[in-house]
Amino acid sequence: MDAALFDRLTSLVPVLARRTLERLVAEVPAGTVLPRELAEHELDKISGLVEDDLRLYLRMLAEERMPTFLELSSVMDAAARRAQERIALADTLTMHHVGLRLAWEEIVARLSPTDQVDVARWAGHLLRYVQVVTSCVSTAYVEAQETIHSAEHEARRALLAALLAGRPAAAYAERAGLRLASSYLVVVLALGGADASGPAGRTIGLLRQSRGVQEEFDRYAGTPVLCAADVRLGTALVPVSADALPEPRAGLDSLAERLASVVGTPVMLGAADAIGLHAIPAAVTQARDVAWLALGLGRPPGAYQLSDVLLEYQLTRPGAGRDKLARLLDRLDGHPHLLETLLAYQRSGHNRRQAAATLHVHPNTLDYRLSRVATLTNLDPGRPAHAQLLAAAVIARTPLPTST
């Protein structure tokens, strides 16, 4: 571009900017980046920004080069603001692409027949310019979004920690931009089929799938859910109104299935109602114990409440009775195959053939092992009264988590 053409086009920048902005407002989908109707002062402000962008583009065209990051700093700042305003990256990029196309059309429309211009060369420069702008806008947007998400994540974690500890949480909720509910459905996740201390446990642990877990809980509740997870346990607070607690429990089994797909291992969900914020810590403990108990008892993956494991829950409460029940099986500690046989026999509903098939042994072998259990414990699995004590002893020995 010769100097005379550059000067003429530069002098037309205010007109070009205004015309480009008017067409941009008309072409960009409503409610995305720009409103359908802009107040006059807003139009002037945005028009000034478009003018700056046009002057930069014309200078790059005249100098036949691409802009530096420093020269695109205002464009990148604008992209960061779009992220803060929760405008989608796709919409932000659309605004830039459409804007550059319209500006290009306005510039070409004002070329006179006497202008010696290689339009094809200009088009190639425009495509490279769009590529650089897209890269810079995307980088600035993503960096700003990560900063926002990090701050929001920390604010939510602080709010969740306060609620789980029973501390005042109003200030944390305000910082996180969330409204506290009157009551919550507390849901605790316990993962089956993983060793939390080994590499496999870390690989399939919730830390790597936390975003997917969060999305599933948000979808289930229809609103943002406070949720945190470690390798084996996760805790979520589903906000509900005090008079609608039974309804949120619906669909928990389906939620467990979807979460299992996310984390790649069977999921147990324990659920408990927290009527009022003060009840959250106790509800978390109850939901955690229910989930862990269902997992320890070999129950099928799914969602469980206290009513589903009421007897088992009571038998695992600390006390002299539980300790004495658990000690009934101490003599089986050195015989893991006998304990495995007893468990299979109990889970089969005392069906010898089914238990033998589960263990892949002959029914006579099963009978021999059960007789050994009777000899060592002085409790015969075939006698109803003794069978009840043995079942209670197995439940009393079920390990529960030592921390939240």
Protein backbone atom coordinates (compact mmCIF):
# COMPACT_ATOMS: atom_id res chain seq x y z
CA MET A 1 0.00 0.00 0.00
CA ASP A 2 1.46 3.34 -1.00
CA ALA A 3 1.59 6.22 1.46
CA ALA A 4 -1.22 8.20 -0.21
CA LEU A 5 -3.67 5.28 -0.03
CA PHE A 6 -2.68 4.53 3.56
CA ASP A 7 -3.29 8.16 4.56
CA ARG A 8 -6.68 8.23 2.78
CA LEU A 9 -7.88 4.99 4.39
CA THR A 10 -6.57 6.08 7.79
CA SER A 11 -8.55 9.30 7.54
CA LEU A 12 -11.66 7.21 6.89
CA VAL A 13 -11.15 5.06 10.01
CA PRO A 14 -13.95 6.73 12.09
CA VAL A 15 -16.43 6.15 9.26
CA LEU A 16 -15.15 2.61 8.67
CA ALA A 17 -15.36 1.79 12.37
CA ARG A 18 -18.90 3.10 12.78
CA ARG A 19 -20.12 1.28 9.68
CA THR A 20 -18.36 -1.94 10.69
CA LEU A 21 -19.84 -1.79 14.19
CA GLU A 22 -23.37 -1.20 12.88
CA ARG A 23 -23.10 -4.25 10.63
CA LEU A 24 -21.47 -6.26 13.42
CA VAL A 25 -24.39 -5.60 15.77
CA ALA A 26 -26.77 -6.76 13.04
CA GLU A 27 -24.85 -9.92 12.11
CA VAL A 28 -23.56 -11.30 15.44
CA PRO A 29 -26.20 -13.55 17.11
CA ALA A 30 -28.32 -11.67 19.64
CA GLY A 31 -27.36 -11.95 23.30
CA THR A 32 -23.85 -13.32 22.70
CA VAL A 33 -21.17 -10.63 22.55
CA LEU A 34 -23.06 -7.48 21.66
CA PRO A 35 -26.64 -6.50 22.59
CA ARG A 36 -29.11 -5.83 19.80
CA GLU A 37 -29.51 -2.20 20.86
CA LEU A 38 -26.62 -0.13 22.16
CA ALA A 39 -26.97 3.20 23.91
CA GLU A 40 -25.30 6.04 22.03
CA HIS A 41 -22.50 6.44 24.61
CA GLU A 42 -21.84 2.70 24.52
CA LEU A 43 -21.72 2.79 20.71
CA ASP A 44 -19.18 5.63 20.84
CA LYS A 45 -17.01 3.76 23.33
CA ILE A 46 -16.99 0.51 21.34
CA SER A 47 -16.55 2.45 18.10
CA GLY A 48 -13.38 3.96 19.53
CA LEU A 49 -12.02 0.46 20.24
CA VAL A 50 -12.88 -0.65 16.70
CA GLU A 51 -11.05 2.42 15.38
CA ASP A 52 -7.90 1.42 17.26
CA ASP A 53 -8.12 -2.10 15.83
CA LEU A 54 -8.63 -0.77 12.30
CA ARG A 55 -5.63 1.56 12.55
CA LEU A 56 -3.49 -1.36 13.71
CA TYR A 57 -4.72 -3.56 10.86
CA LEU A 58 -4.09 -0.85 8.22
CA ARG A 59 -0.59 -0.26 9.57
CA MET A 60 0.18 -3.98 9.44
CA LEU A 61 -1.15 -4.09 5.87
CA ALA A 62 0.98 -1.12 4.88
CA GLU A 63 4.10 -2.57 6.52
CA GLU A 64 3.33 -6.10 5.27
CA ARG A 65 3.87 -7.77 8.61
CA MET A 66 1.99 -9.36 11.51
CA PRO A 67 1.36 -7.58 14.83
CA THR A 68 3.38 -8.40 17.93
CA PHE A 69 1.86 -9.53 21.22
CA LEU A 70 2.47 -6.04 22.60
CA GLU A 71 0.60 -4.45 19.70
CA LEU A 72 -2.32 -6.82 20.31
CA SER A 73 -2.40 -6.18 24.07
CA SER A 74 -5.69 -4.24 23.88
CA VAL A 75 -7.27 -7.06 21.86
CA MET A 76 -6.08 -9.60 24.44
CA ASP A 77 -7.36 -7.44 27.31
CA ALA A 78 -10.76 -7.34 25.64
CA ALA A 79 -10.74 -11.14 25.29
CA ALA A 80 -9.97 -11.48 29.01
CA ARG A 81 -12.95 -9.23 29.80
CA ARG A 82 -15.18 -11.46 27.65
CA ALA A 83 -14.11 -14.40 29.81
CA GLN A 84 -14.93 -12.45 32.98
CA GLU A 85 -18.34 -11.59 31.52
CA ARG A 86 -18.98 -15.32 30.93
CA ILE A 87 -19.23 -14.82 27.17
CA ALA A 88 -18.35 -18.06 25.37
CA LEU A 89 -15.01 -18.29 23.58
CA ALA A 90 -16.79 -19.32 20.36
CA ASP A 91 -18.89 -16.13 20.48
CA THR A 92 -15.82 -14.03 21.23
CA LEU A 93 -13.94 -15.46 18.26
CA THR A 94 -17.02 -15.02 16.06
CA MET A 95 -17.07 -11.32 16.90
CA HIS A 96 -13.44 -10.93 15.84
CA HIS A 97 -13.81 -12.97 12.66
CA VAL A 98 -17.01 -11.24 11.57
CA GLY A 99 -15.60 -7.85 12.53
CA LEU A 100 -12.44 -8.33 10.47
CA ARG A 101 -14.43 -9.57 7.48
CA LEU A 102 -16.79 -6.60 7.63
CA ALA A 103 -13.90 -4.17 8.06
CA TRP A 104 -12.20 -5.74 5.04
CA GLU A 105 -15.38 -5.33 2.97
CA GLU A 106 -15.73 -1.69 4.03
CA ILE A 107 -12.10 -0.98 3.11
CA VAL A 108 -12.30 -2.67 -0.31
CA ALA A 109 -15.59 -0.89 -1.06
CA ARG A 110 -13.81 2.45 -0.71
CA LEU A 111 -11.01 1.70 -3.14
CA SER A 112 -11.14 3.85 -6.28
CA PRO A 113 -10.47 2.55 -9.81
CA THR A 114 -7.18 4.43 -9.82
CA ASP A 115 -5.83 2.67 -6.71
CA GLN A 116 -3.06 0.25 -7.64
CA VAL A 117 -3.85 -2.56 -5.20
CA ASP A 118 -2.99 -6.26 -5.25
CA VAL A 119 -6.26 -7.40 -3.63
CA ALA A 120 -5.25 -11.07 -3.70
CA ARG A 121 -2.11 -10.22 -1.74
CA TRP A 122 -4.20 -8.21 0.71
CA ALA A 123 -6.52 -11.21 1.18
CA GLY A 124 -3.57 -13.46 2.00
CA HIS A 125 -2.37 -10.94 4.56
CA LEU A 126 -5.88 -10.80 6.08
CA LEU A 127 -5.98 -14.57 6.54
CA ARG A 128 -2.61 -14.55 8.32
CA TYR A 129 -3.77 -11.60 10.43
CA VAL A 130 -6.92 -13.49 11.46
CA GLN A 131 -4.76 -16.47 12.43
CA VAL A 132 -2.56 -14.34 14.70
CA VAL A 133 -5.54 -12.54 16.27
CA THR A 134 -7.36 -15.85 16.87
CA SER A 135 -4.32 -17.28 18.62
CA CYS A 136 -3.87 -14.22 20.84
CA VAL A 137 -7.57 -13.91 21.70
CA SER A 138 -7.80 -17.63 22.56
CA THR A 139 -4.69 -17.48 24.73
CA ALA A 140 -5.84 -14.42 26.66
CA TYR A 141 -9.36 -15.81 27.07
CA VAL A 142 -8.23 -19.22 28.35
CA GLU A 143 -5.69 -17.72 30.76
CA ALA A 144 -8.34 -15.38 32.19
CA GLN A 145 -10.84 -18.22 32.42
CA GLU A 146 -8.36 -20.41 34.29
CA THR A 147 -7.71 -17.61 36.76
CA ILE A 148 -11.45 -17.11 37.28
CA HIS A 149 -12.08 -20.84 37.71
CA SER A 150 -9.19 -21.13 40.14
CA ALA A 151 -10.55 -18.30 42.30
CA GLU A 152 -14.08 -19.73 42.14
CA HIS A 153 -12.79 -23.19 42.96
CA GLU A 154 -10.95 -21.97 46.03
CA ALA A 155 -13.98 -19.97 47.18
CA ARG A 156 -16.23 -23.02 46.81
CA ARG A 157 -13.74 -25.24 48.62
CA ALA A 158 -13.62 -22.76 51.52
CA LEU A 159 -17.43 -22.66 51.63
CA LEU A 160 -17.69 -26.45 51.57
CA ALA A 161 -15.06 -26.78 54.30
CA ALA A 162 -16.97 -24.34 56.50
CA LEU A 163 -20.26 -26.19 56.02
CA LEU A 164 -18.70 -29.61 56.67
CA ALA A 165 -17.11 -28.29 59.87
CA GLY A 166 -20.31 -26.62 61.06
CA ARG A 167 -18.77 -23.14 60.99
CA PRO A 168 -20.59 -19.93 59.95
CA ALA A 169 -20.61 -19.93 56.15
CA ALA A 170 -22.47 -16.78 55.04
CA ALA A 171 -19.28 -14.85 54.23
CA TYR A 172 -17.84 -17.79 52.29
CA ALA A 173 -21.08 -18.14 50.32
CA GLU A 174 -21.00 -14.46 49.37
CA ARG A 175 -17.39 -14.79 48.22
CA ALA A 176 -18.29 -17.86 46.14
CA GLY A 177 -21.33 -16.14 44.64
CA LEU A 178 -23.68 -18.87 45.91
CA ARG A 179 -26.86 -18.67 47.96
CA LEU A 180 -27.04 -21.01 50.93
CA ALA A 181 -30.01 -23.40 50.89
CA SER A 182 -32.22 -24.00 53.91
CA SER A 183 -31.35 -27.72 53.82
CA TYR A 184 -29.18 -30.12 51.86
CA LEU A 185 -29.21 -33.67 50.65
CA VAL A 186 -25.74 -34.90 51.58
CA VAL A 187 -24.33 -37.45 49.15
CA VAL A 188 -21.07 -39.28 49.81
CA LEU A 189 -19.28 -41.35 47.18
CA ALA A 190 -17.30 -44.46 47.99
CA LEU A 191 -15.41 -46.19 45.18
CA GLY A 192 -15.25 -49.95 44.79
CA GLY A 193 -12.62 -51.92 42.91
CA ALA A 194 -9.70 -49.60 43.67
CA ASP A 195 -6.75 -49.54 46.00
CA ALA A 196 -6.43 -45.97 47.19
CA SER A 197 -2.78 -46.42 48.12
CA GLY A 198 -1.61 -47.82 44.80
CA PRO A 199 -1.09 -46.36 41.32
CA ALA A 200 -4.34 -47.90 40.06
CA GLY A 201 -6.29 -46.15 42.78
CA ARG A 202 -4.68 -42.85 41.90
CA THR A 203 -5.32 -43.41 38.21
CA ILE A 204 -9.03 -44.06 38.57
CA GLY A 205 -9.39 -41.74 41.56
CA LEU A 206 -11.80 -38.86 41.54
CA LEU A 207 -9.09 -36.22 41.36
CA ARG A 208 -8.59 -36.80 37.65
CA GLN A 209 -12.30 -36.97 36.96
CA SER A 210 -13.39 -34.16 39.31
CA ARG A 211 -14.80 -32.05 36.50
CA GLY A 212 -16.93 -34.93 35.23
CA VAL A 213 -18.13 -35.69 38.76
CA GLN A 214 -19.03 -32.03 39.27
CA GLU A 215 -20.94 -31.93 35.98
CA GLU A 216 -22.95 -35.03 36.87
CA PHE A 217 -23.94 -33.62 40.27
CA ASP A 218 -24.86 -30.26 38.73
CA ARG A 219 -26.98 -32.04 36.13
CA TYR A 220 -28.65 -34.18 38.79
CA ALA A 221 -29.51 -31.17 40.98
CA GLY A 222 -30.23 -28.73 38.17
CA THR A 223 -28.10 -26.17 39.98
CA PRO A 224 -24.44 -25.76 41.02
CA VAL A 225 -23.53 -28.29 43.72
CA LEU A 226 -20.75 -27.99 46.27
CA CYS A 227 -18.62 -31.04 45.65
CA ALA A 228 -15.14 -32.24 46.64
CA ALA A 229 -13.49 -35.62 46.19
CA ASP A 230 -10.30 -37.46 47.04
CA VAL A 231 -9.09 -40.84 45.80
CA ARG A 232 -11.67 -43.00 47.60
CA LEU A 233 -14.31 -40.66 49.01
CA GLY A 234 -16.25 -37.69 47.72
CA THR A 235 -18.79 -35.40 49.35
CA ALA A 236 -21.53 -33.38 47.64
CA LEU A 237 -24.14 -31.05 49.11
CA VAL A 238 -27.27 -30.92 46.96
CA PRO A 239 -29.30 -27.81 47.87
CA VAL A 240 -32.99 -28.43 48.56
CA SER A 241 -35.82 -26.72 50.36
CA ALA A 242 -36.80 -28.17 53.71
CA ASP A 243 -40.19 -29.35 52.42
CA ALA A 244 -38.79 -31.12 49.34
CA LEU A 245 -36.21 -33.52 50.75
CA PRO A 246 -37.80 -36.81 49.61
CA GLU A 247 -37.91 -35.75 45.96
CA PRO A 248 -34.14 -35.14 45.45
CA ARG A 249 -33.43 -38.76 46.45
CA ALA A 250 -35.14 -39.92 43.26
CA GLY A 251 -32.64 -40.78 40.57
CA LEU A 252 -29.71 -41.43 42.92
CA ASP A 253 -29.20 -44.95 41.52
CA SER A 254 -29.05 -43.52 38.01
CA LEU A 255 -26.59 -40.88 39.25
CA ALA A 256 -24.41 -43.65 40.70
CA GLU A 257 -24.34 -45.35 37.29
CA ARG A 258 -23.32 -42.15 35.50
CA LEU A 259 -20.63 -41.41 38.09
CA ALA A 260 -19.29 -44.96 37.65
CA SER A 261 -18.88 -44.21 33.94
CA VAL A 262 -17.00 -41.02 34.78
CA VAL A 263 -14.57 -42.53 37.30
CA GLY A 264 -14.27 -45.94 35.66
CA THR A 265 -15.08 -48.04 38.72
CA PRO A 266 -18.24 -49.07 40.64
CA VAL A 267 -19.67 -46.30 42.83
CA MET A 268 -21.53 -46.50 46.11
CA LEU A 269 -23.54 -43.45 47.14
CA GLY A 270 -24.58 -42.84 50.71
CA ALA A 271 -27.32 -40.25 51.20
CA ALA A 272 -28.57 -38.44 54.29
CA ASP A 273 -30.80 -35.42 54.91
CA ALA A 274 -29.43 -32.30 56.57
CA ILE A 275 -32.35 -30.18 57.81
CA GLY A 276 -30.64 -26.86 58.40
CA LEU A 277 -26.97 -25.97 58.04
CA HIS A 278 -26.16 -27.11 61.58
CA ALA A 279 -27.11 -30.69 60.63
CA ILE A 280 -24.61 -31.01 57.77
CA PRO A 281 -21.60 -32.45 59.72
CA ALA A 282 -23.70 -35.24 61.27
CA ALA A 283 -25.39 -35.98 57.94
CA VAL A 284 -22.00 -36.25 56.22
CA THR A 285 -20.81 -38.74 58.85
CA GLN A 286 -23.98 -40.81 58.45
CA ALA A 287 -23.92 -40.76 54.63
CA ARG A 288 -20.22 -41.65 54.62
CA ASP A 289 -20.73 -44.59 56.98
CA VAL A 290 -23.73 -45.85 54.99
CA ALA A 291 -21.79 -45.74 51.71
CA TRP A 292 -18.72 -47.39 53.20
CA LEU A 293 -20.82 -50.01 54.95
CA ALA A 294 -22.64 -50.94 51.73
CA LEU A 295 -19.28 -51.24 50.02
CA GLY A 296 -17.78 -53.34 52.82
CA LEU A 297 -20.79 -55.66 52.88
CA GLY A 298 -20.45 -56.37 49.18
CA ARG A 299 -23.76 -54.73 48.25
CA PRO A 300 -24.35 -54.00 44.55
CA PRO A 301 -23.22 -50.55 43.34
CA GLY A 302 -25.89 -47.90 43.74
CA ALA A 303 -27.34 -45.46 46.24
CA TYR A 304 -28.07 -46.31 49.87
CA GLN A 305 -29.72 -44.55 52.80
CA LEU A 306 -29.77 -45.42 56.46
CA SER A 307 -33.05 -47.32 56.06
CA ASP A 308 -31.36 -49.64 53.53
CA VAL A 309 -28.70 -50.81 56.01
CA LEU A 310 -30.39 -50.01 59.30
CA LEU A 311 -29.47 -53.22 61.20
CA GLU A 312 -25.96 -53.32 59.79
CA TYR A 313 -25.43 -49.64 60.62
CA GLN A 314 -26.45 -50.17 64.24
CA LEU A 315 -24.21 -53.22 64.60
CA THR A 316 -21.18 -51.18 63.51
CA ARG A 317 -21.67 -48.40 66.09
CA PRO A 318 -18.78 -48.22 68.57
CA GLY A 319 -19.33 -49.94 71.88
CA ALA A 320 -18.64 -53.03 73.96
CA GLY A 321 -21.27 -55.05 72.11
CA ARG A 322 -19.72 -54.44 68.72
CA ASP A 323 -16.24 -55.23 69.98
CA LYS A 324 -17.40 -58.53 71.51
CA LEU A 325 -19.28 -59.47 68.31
CA ALA A 326 -16.21 -58.77 66.20
CA ARG A 327 -14.03 -60.94 68.44
CA LEU A 328 -16.24 -63.96 67.73
CA LEU A 329 -14.39 -64.38 64.45
CA ASP A 330 -10.85 -63.78 65.74
CA ARG A 331 -9.99 -67.46 65.37
CA LEU A 332 -10.66 -67.23 61.62
CA ASP A 333 -8.02 -64.56 61.10
CA GLY A 334 -5.39 -67.14 60.26
CA HIS A 335 -7.75 -68.94 57.86
CA PRO A 336 -8.82 -66.47 55.17
CA HIS A 337 -10.39 -69.22 53.05
CA LEU A 338 -12.74 -70.06 55.92
CA LEU A 339 -13.80 -66.43 56.33
CA GLU A 340 -14.31 -66.21 52.56
CA THR A 341 -16.46 -69.35 52.71
CA LEU A 342 -18.57 -67.95 55.56
CA LEU A 343 -19.15 -64.71 53.65
CA ALA A 344 -20.16 -66.55 50.48
CA TYR A 345 -22.53 -68.77 52.47
CA GLN A 346 -24.17 -65.76 54.12
CA ARG A 347 -24.47 -63.75 50.89
CA SER A 348 -26.09 -66.70 49.12
CA GLY A 349 -28.86 -66.77 51.73
CA HIS A 350 -27.37 -69.96 53.25
CA ASN A 351 -27.71 -71.78 49.92
CA ARG A 352 -24.95 -74.42 49.89
CA ARG A 353 -24.92 -75.04 46.15
CA GLN A 354 -24.96 -71.35 45.23
CA ALA A 355 -22.17 -70.58 47.71
CA ALA A 356 -20.07 -73.50 46.40
CA ALA A 357 -20.57 -72.28 42.82
CA THR A 358 -19.52 -68.77 43.83
CA LEU A 359 -16.33 -70.15 45.39
CA HIS A 360 -15.76 -72.63 42.54
CA VAL A 361 -15.55 -75.55 44.97
CA HIS A 362 -17.49 -78.79 45.44
CA PRO A 363 -20.44 -78.64 47.89
CA ASN A 364 -18.66 -81.25 50.04
CA THR A 365 -15.67 -78.90 50.28
CA LEU A 366 -18.02 -76.13 51.35
CA ASP A 367 -19.50 -78.40 54.06
CA TYR A 368 -16.04 -79.25 55.33
CA ARG A 369 -15.04 -75.59 55.56
CA LEU A 370 -18.26 -74.66 57.36
CA SER A 371 -17.65 -77.44 59.86
CA ARG A 372 -14.16 -75.99 60.46
CA VAL A 373 -15.79 -72.58 61.09
CA ALA A 374 -18.05 -74.24 63.66
CA THR A 375 -15.12 -75.95 65.35
CA LEU A 376 -12.99 -72.80 65.59
CA THR A 377 -15.74 -70.38 66.64
CA ASN A 378 -18.08 -72.72 68.54
CA LEU A 379 -20.85 -71.33 66.32
CA ASP A 380 -22.48 -73.59 63.72
CA PRO A 381 -23.45 -71.69 60.51
CA GLY A 382 -26.20 -74.27 59.96
CA ARG A 383 -28.05 -73.41 63.19
CA PRO A 384 -30.34 -70.35 62.86
CA ALA A 385 -29.38 -68.77 66.21
CA HIS A 386 -25.65 -69.28 65.56
CA ALA A 387 -26.04 -68.06 61.94
CA GLN A 388 -27.47 -64.77 63.22
CA LEU A 389 -24.53 -64.26 65.56
CA LEU A 390 -22.04 -65.07 62.81
CA ALA A 391 -23.77 -62.63 60.45
CA ALA A 392 -23.68 -59.94 63.13
CA ALA A 393 -19.99 -60.65 63.78
CA VAL A 394 -19.19 -60.23 60.09
CA ILE A 395 -21.01 -56.88 60.05
CA ALA A 396 -19.27 -55.72 63.24
CA ARG A 397 -15.91 -56.39 61.60
CA THR A 398 -16.77 -54.33 58.51
CA PRO A 399 -14.20 -51.53 58.26
CA LEU A 400 -15.47 -47.95 58.08
CA PRO A 401 -13.48 -44.90 56.96
CA THR A 402 -11.34 -43.36 59.67
CA SER A 403 -11.72 -39.80 58.36
CA THR A 404 -13.91 -37.68 56.06
